[in-house]
Amino acid sequence: MQIVKRLLVCVAGFAIVALILFYYRGKIAQSSVSAQILAYIVPFIAVLIVTGVPMKLIDRSWRGTIENVKVREVLIHQFGRNYRVAGRGAEYGNVVDLEVKLDSGKTITCRPTFKPLKDVKSIDFYTSNFKRGDRVVHIYGTNFVQRLPDGDAELINCVVCGEVQHKDREKCASCGHTLKVSE
């Protein structure tokens, strides 16, 4: 419904811009070709930016409920050189996979963190804080899945940098992104 409202505002903005350009068409025609191009293109781009329609159309944010949490061992070299320890041969780490049933009804598999976990503390955080039945959200343009805080959870992770923090914080101590995601 929100996208329909944005589209209506965008169409109304286009109509207003078209009327203004039609009214000033004589003055615009007397200017240089590059100024004419700018006069006809920039107002329409400004309407798109102000209404946010393009970003809303490509938005891939989602909300859902965790169906299953799996931890599996992987070779770290599958994730590139940055995670390989020089001179140690094959290194193994663990990845956490979440099976999430989206509000739309589709089931997907995602990861709350994108790099392999090698320490038990990190693995314990993800397996104890992401449980079956928990509500999670992924915000388009961010790196991590965030569990929506419920009454008994004390810690949440930042959707941008993954930093684990107390749920009462307004902003992430590491990157400054807001930690408040409403249901």
C-alpha atoms as a PDB file:
ATOM      1  CA  MET A   1       0.000   0.000   0.000  1.00  0.00           C
ATOM      2  CA  GLN A   2       2.869   2.354   0.776  1.00  0.00           C
ATOM      3  CA  ILE A   3       4.313   1.932  -2.726  1.00  0.00           C
ATOM      4  CA  VAL A   4       0.934   2.877  -4.249  1.00  0.00           C
ATOM      5  CA  LYS A   5       0.921   6.105  -2.230  1.00  0.00           C
ATOM      6  CA  ARG A   6       4.474   6.861  -3.337  1.00  0.00           C
ATOM      7  CA  LEU A   7       3.586   6.164  -6.963  1.00  0.00           C
ATOM      8  CA  LEU A   8       0.589   8.507  -6.759  1.00  0.00           C
ATOM      9  CA  VAL A   9       2.744  11.260  -5.276  1.00  0.00           C
ATOM     10  CA  CYS A  10       5.346  10.622  -7.988  1.00  0.00           C
ATOM     11  CA  VAL A  11       2.738  10.859 -10.781  1.00  0.00           C
ATOM     12  CA  ALA A  12       1.366  14.063  -9.253  1.00  0.00           C
ATOM     13  CA  GLY A  13       4.906  15.464  -9.084  1.00  0.00           C
ATOM     14  CA  PHE A  14       5.513  14.540 -12.726  1.00  0.00           C
ATOM     15  CA  ALA A  15       2.260  16.293 -13.690  1.00  0.00           C
ATOM     16  CA  ILE A  16       3.250  19.468 -11.828  1.00  0.00           C
ATOM     17  CA  VAL A  17       6.723  19.457 -13.401  1.00  0.00           C
ATOM     18  CA  ALA A  18       5.194  18.918 -16.859  1.00  0.00           C
ATOM     19  CA  LEU A  19       2.818  21.857 -16.355  1.00  0.00           C
ATOM     20  CA  ILE A  20       5.648  24.126 -15.207  1.00  0.00           C
ATOM     21  CA  LEU A  21       7.836  23.090 -18.146  1.00  0.00           C
ATOM     22  CA  PHE A  22       4.930  23.613 -20.544  1.00  0.00           C
ATOM     23  CA  TYR A  23       4.344  27.106 -19.133  1.00  0.00           C
ATOM     24  CA  TYR A  24       8.040  28.060 -19.483  1.00  0.00           C
ATOM     25  CA  ARG A  25       8.640  26.221 -22.779  1.00  0.00           C
ATOM     26  CA  GLY A  26       9.279  29.501 -24.646  1.00  0.00           C
ATOM     27  CA  LYS A  27      12.044  30.588 -22.273  1.00  0.00           C
ATOM     28  CA  ILE A  28      13.548  27.111 -22.228  1.00  0.00           C
ATOM     29  CA  ALA A  29      13.593  27.008 -26.048  1.00  0.00           C
ATOM     30  CA  GLN A  30      15.710  30.179 -26.135  1.00  0.00           C
ATOM     31  CA  SER A  31      18.476  28.615 -24.025  1.00  0.00           C
ATOM     32  CA  SER A  32      21.344  26.399 -25.158  1.00  0.00           C
ATOM     33  CA  VAL A  33      20.809  22.724 -25.955  1.00  0.00           C
ATOM     34  CA  SER A  34      22.564  21.536 -22.803  1.00  0.00           C
ATOM     35  CA  ALA A  35      20.462  23.890 -20.660  1.00  0.00           C
ATOM     36  CA  GLN A  36      17.312  22.592 -22.372  1.00  0.00           C
ATOM     37  CA  ILE A  37      18.301  19.007 -21.630  1.00  0.00           C
ATOM     38  CA  LEU A  38      18.953  19.872 -17.979  1.00  0.00           C
ATOM     39  CA  ALA A  39      15.683  21.800 -17.735  1.00  0.00           C
ATOM     40  CA  TYR A  40      13.703  18.828 -18.973  1.00  0.00           C
ATOM     41  CA  ILE A  41      15.551  16.018 -17.167  1.00  0.00           C
ATOM     42  CA  VAL A  42      16.600  17.361 -13.737  1.00  0.00           C
ATOM     43  CA  PRO A  43      13.071  18.165 -12.434  1.00  0.00           C
ATOM     44  CA  PHE A  44      11.846  14.650 -13.215  1.00  0.00           C
ATOM     45  CA  ILE A  45      14.884  13.086 -11.528  1.00  0.00           C
ATOM     46  CA  ALA A  46      14.296  15.347  -8.517  1.00  0.00           C
ATOM     47  CA  VAL A  47      10.702  14.077  -8.255  1.00  0.00           C
ATOM     48  CA  LEU A  48      11.951  10.473  -8.316  1.00  0.00           C
ATOM     49  CA  ILE A  49      14.517  11.178  -5.601  1.00  0.00           C
ATOM     50  CA  VAL A  50      12.093  13.089  -3.355  1.00  0.00           C
ATOM     51  CA  THR A  51       9.364  10.440  -3.592  1.00  0.00           C
ATOM     52  CA  GLY A  52      11.823   7.543  -3.206  1.00  0.00           C
ATOM     53  CA  VAL A  53       9.975   5.444  -5.781  1.00  0.00           C
ATOM     54  CA  PRO A  54      13.041   3.831  -7.433  1.00  0.00           C
ATOM     55  CA  MET A  55      14.477   2.680  -4.099  1.00  0.00           C
ATOM     56  CA  LYS A  56      11.112   1.339  -2.964  1.00  0.00           C
ATOM     57  CA  LEU A  57      10.729  -0.610  -6.207  1.00  0.00           C
ATOM     58  CA  ILE A  58      14.103  -2.366  -5.770  1.00  0.00           C
ATOM     59  CA  ASP A  59      13.787  -2.749  -1.997  1.00  0.00           C
ATOM     60  CA  ARG A  60      14.519  -6.335  -0.969  1.00  0.00           C
ATOM     61  CA  SER A  61      13.860  -5.946   2.747  1.00  0.00           C
ATOM     62  CA  TRP A  62      11.962  -8.758   4.404  1.00  0.00           C
ATOM     63  CA  ARG A  63      10.578  -9.993   7.701  1.00  0.00           C
ATOM     64  CA  GLY A  64       9.989 -13.546   8.730  1.00  0.00           C
ATOM     65  CA  THR A  65      10.039 -16.279  11.339  1.00  0.00           C
ATOM     66  CA  ILE A  66      12.953 -18.669  11.882  1.00  0.00           C
ATOM     67  CA  GLU A  67      12.036 -22.257  11.016  1.00  0.00           C
ATOM     68  CA  ASN A  68      15.431 -23.870  11.666  1.00  0.00           C
ATOM     69  CA  VAL A  69      19.003 -22.951  12.712  1.00  0.00           C
ATOM     70  CA  LYS A  70      21.890 -25.043  11.358  1.00  0.00           C
ATOM     71  CA  VAL A  71      25.605 -24.813  12.027  1.00  0.00           C
ATOM     72  CA  ARG A  72      27.840 -26.449   9.458  1.00  0.00           C
ATOM     73  CA  GLU A  73      31.565 -26.687   9.016  1.00  0.00           C
ATOM     74  CA  VAL A  74      33.126 -25.242   5.856  1.00  0.00           C
ATOM     75  CA  LEU A  75      36.588 -24.818   4.422  1.00  0.00           C
ATOM     76  CA  ILE A  76      37.533 -21.203   5.007  1.00  0.00           C
ATOM     77  CA  HIS A  77      39.347 -20.912   1.668  1.00  0.00           C
ATOM     78  CA  GLN A  78      35.910 -21.061   0.036  1.00  0.00           C
ATOM     79  CA  PHE A  79      35.432 -17.518   1.279  1.00  0.00           C
ATOM     80  CA  GLY A  80      38.615 -16.077  -0.231  1.00  0.00           C
ATOM     81  CA  ARG A  81      42.127 -15.240   0.902  1.00  0.00           C
ATOM     82  CA  ASN A  82      41.047 -12.855   3.645  1.00  0.00           C
ATOM     83  CA  TYR A  83      39.957 -15.730   5.880  1.00  0.00           C
ATOM     84  CA  ARG A  84      42.861 -18.101   5.204  1.00  0.00           C
ATOM     85  CA  VAL A  85      45.646 -18.332   7.748  1.00  0.00           C
ATOM     86  CA  ALA A  86      48.980 -18.400   5.925  1.00  0.00           C
ATOM     87  CA  GLY A  87      51.049 -21.572   6.296  1.00  0.00           C
ATOM     88  CA  ARG A  88      48.387 -23.557   8.139  1.00  0.00           C
ATOM     89  CA  GLY A  89      46.902 -25.528   5.247  1.00  0.00           C
ATOM     90  CA  ALA A  90      43.183 -26.133   5.142  1.00  0.00           C
ATOM     91  CA  GLU A  91      41.370 -24.095   7.787  1.00  0.00           C
ATOM     92  CA  TYR A  92      37.859 -24.883   8.851  1.00  0.00           C
ATOM     93  CA  GLY A  93      35.233 -22.591  10.279  1.00  0.00           C
ATOM     94  CA  ASN A  94      31.517 -22.737  10.934  1.00  0.00           C
ATOM     95  CA  VAL A  95      28.676 -20.934   9.210  1.00  0.00           C
ATOM     96  CA  VAL A  96      25.218 -20.482  10.647  1.00  0.00           C
ATOM     97  CA  ASP A  97      22.328 -20.982   8.225  1.00  0.00           C
ATOM     98  CA  LEU A  98      18.833 -19.811   9.100  1.00  0.00           C
ATOM     99  CA  GLU A  99      15.791 -21.233   7.376  1.00  0.00           C
ATOM    100  CA  VAL A 100      13.295 -18.377   7.476  1.00  0.00           C
ATOM    101  CA  LYS A 101       9.648 -18.397   6.494  1.00  0.00           C
ATOM    102  CA  LEU A 102       8.954 -14.927   5.152  1.00  0.00           C
ATOM    103  CA  ASP A 103       5.718 -13.102   5.876  1.00  0.00           C
ATOM    104  CA  SER A 104       4.895 -13.609   2.189  1.00  0.00           C
ATOM    105  CA  GLY A 105       4.908 -17.409   2.779  1.00  0.00           C
ATOM    106  CA  LYS A 106       8.154 -18.159   0.916  1.00  0.00           C
ATOM    107  CA  THR A 107      10.930 -20.047   2.763  1.00  0.00           C
ATOM    108  CA  ILE A 108      14.545 -18.921   2.289  1.00  0.00           C
ATOM    109  CA  THR A 109      17.949 -19.849   3.710  1.00  0.00           C
ATOM    110  CA  CYS A 110      20.145 -16.980   4.847  1.00  0.00           C
ATOM    111  CA  ARG A 111      23.055 -16.250   7.158  1.00  0.00           C
ATOM    112  CA  PRO A 112      23.019 -13.793  10.042  1.00  0.00           C
ATOM    113  CA  THR A 113      26.739 -13.232   9.416  1.00  0.00           C
ATOM    114  CA  PHE A 114      28.687 -13.575   6.193  1.00  0.00           C
ATOM    115  CA  LYS A 115      32.081 -14.799   7.398  1.00  0.00           C
ATOM    116  CA  PRO A 116      32.932 -18.168   8.925  1.00  0.00           C
ATOM    117  CA  LEU A 117      32.959 -18.301  12.714  1.00  0.00           C
ATOM    118  CA  LYS A 118      36.001 -19.887  14.322  1.00  0.00           C
ATOM    119  CA  ASP A 119      35.450 -19.184  18.006  1.00  0.00           C
ATOM    120  CA  VAL A 120      32.906 -20.969  20.155  1.00  0.00           C
ATOM    121  CA  LYS A 121      31.657 -17.688  21.702  1.00  0.00           C
ATOM    122  CA  SER A 122      30.463 -16.377  18.313  1.00  0.00           C
ATOM    123  CA  ILE A 123      28.864 -19.693  17.386  1.00  0.00           C
ATOM    124  CA  ASP A 124      27.107 -19.785  20.779  1.00  0.00           C
ATOM    125  CA  PHE A 125      25.759 -16.254  20.255  1.00  0.00           C
ATOM    126  CA  TYR A 126      24.166 -17.135  16.930  1.00  0.00           C
ATOM    127  CA  THR A 127      22.809 -20.515  18.022  1.00  0.00           C
ATOM    128  CA  SER A 128      21.412 -19.235  21.339  1.00  0.00           C
ATOM    129  CA  ASN A 129      20.097 -15.895  20.072  1.00  0.00           C
ATOM    130  CA  PHE A 130      18.559 -17.101  16.805  1.00  0.00           C
ATOM    131  CA  LYS A 131      16.030 -19.802  17.712  1.00  0.00           C
ATOM    132  CA  ARG A 132      13.103 -21.443  15.986  1.00  0.00           C
ATOM    133  CA  GLY A 133      10.063 -19.166  16.160  1.00  0.00           C
ATOM    134  CA  ASP A 134      12.049 -15.909  16.542  1.00  0.00           C
ATOM    135  CA  ARG A 135      11.080 -12.986  14.330  1.00  0.00           C
ATOM    136  CA  VAL A 136      13.900 -11.650  12.141  1.00  0.00           C
ATOM    137  CA  VAL A 137      14.280  -8.779   9.695  1.00  0.00           C
ATOM    138  CA  HIS A 138      16.680  -8.001   6.876  1.00  0.00           C
ATOM    139  CA  ILE A 139      16.860  -4.395   5.732  1.00  0.00           C
ATOM    140  CA  TYR A 140      17.802  -3.860   2.088  1.00  0.00           C
ATOM    141  CA  GLY A 141      21.327  -2.549   1.717  1.00  0.00           C
ATOM    142  CA  THR A 142      22.580  -3.963   5.022  1.00  0.00           C
ATOM    143  CA  ASN A 143      24.783  -6.997   5.614  1.00  0.00           C
ATOM    144  CA  PHE A 144      23.160  -8.870   8.464  1.00  0.00           C
ATOM    145  CA  VAL A 145      19.889 -10.392   9.563  1.00  0.00           C
ATOM    146  CA  GLN A 146      18.651  -8.964  12.857  1.00  0.00           C
ATOM    147  CA  ARG A 147      16.481 -10.769  15.362  1.00  0.00           C
ATOM    148  CA  LEU A 148      13.655  -8.544  16.513  1.00  0.00           C
ATOM    149  CA  PRO A 149      14.039  -8.188  20.267  1.00  0.00           C
ATOM    150  CA  ASP A 150      11.415  -9.809  22.451  1.00  0.00           C
ATOM    151  CA  GLY A 151      10.821  -9.401  26.177  1.00  0.00           C
ATOM    152  CA  ASP A 152      13.455 -11.832  27.478  1.00  0.00           C
ATOM    153  CA  ALA A 153      16.335 -11.218  25.028  1.00  0.00           C
ATOM    154  CA  GLU A 154      19.098  -8.929  26.259  1.00  0.00           C
ATOM    155  CA  LEU A 155      21.350  -8.778  23.176  1.00  0.00           C
ATOM    156  CA  ILE A 156      20.786  -7.945  19.501  1.00  0.00           C
ATOM    157  CA  ASN A 157      23.141  -7.591  16.578  1.00  0.00           C
ATOM    158  CA  CYS A 158      23.510  -4.550  14.318  1.00  0.00           C
ATOM    159  CA  VAL A 159      22.157  -5.103  10.793  1.00  0.00           C
ATOM    160  CA  VAL A 160      25.037  -3.123   9.273  1.00  0.00           C
ATOM    161  CA  CYS A 161      28.199  -4.262  11.057  1.00  0.00           C
ATOM    162  CA  GLY A 162      26.982  -7.277  13.063  1.00  0.00           C
ATOM    163  CA  GLU A 163      28.229  -5.919  16.399  1.00  0.00           C
ATOM    164  CA  VAL A 164      26.435  -7.575  19.330  1.00  0.00           C
ATOM    165  CA  GLN A 165      24.956  -5.049  21.773  1.00  0.00           C
ATOM    166  CA  HIS A 166      22.379  -4.583  24.508  1.00  0.00           C
ATOM    167  CA  LYS A 167      18.835  -4.255  23.123  1.00  0.00           C
ATOM    168  CA  ASP A 168      18.178  -0.940  24.944  1.00  0.00           C
ATOM    169  CA  ARG A 169      20.771   0.979  22.904  1.00  0.00           C
ATOM    170  CA  GLU A 170      19.420   3.438  20.332  1.00  0.00           C
ATOM    171  CA  LYS A 171      22.432   3.318  17.984  1.00  0.00           C
ATOM    172  CA  CYS A 172      25.241   0.876  17.300  1.00  0.00           C
ATOM    173  CA  ALA A 173      28.407   1.658  19.273  1.00  0.00           C
ATOM    174  CA  SER A 174      30.544   0.505  16.349  1.00  0.00           C
ATOM    175  CA  CYS A 175      28.960   2.042  13.232  1.00  0.00           C
ATOM    176  CA  GLY A 176      26.253   4.406  14.536  1.00  0.00           C
ATOM    177  CA  HIS A 177      23.354   2.764  12.648  1.00  0.00           C
ATOM    178  CA  THR A 178      20.019   2.667  14.449  1.00  0.00           C
ATOM    179  CA  LEU A 179      19.285  -0.539  16.371  1.00  0.00           C
ATOM    180  CA  LYS A 180      15.555   0.145  16.661  1.00  0.00           C
ATOM    181  CA  VAL A 181      13.620  -1.955  14.171  1.00  0.00           C
ATOM    182  CA  SER A 182       9.883  -2.015  14.785  1.00  0.00           C
ATOM    183  CA  GLU A 183       7.682  -5.039  14.215  1.00  0.00           C
END
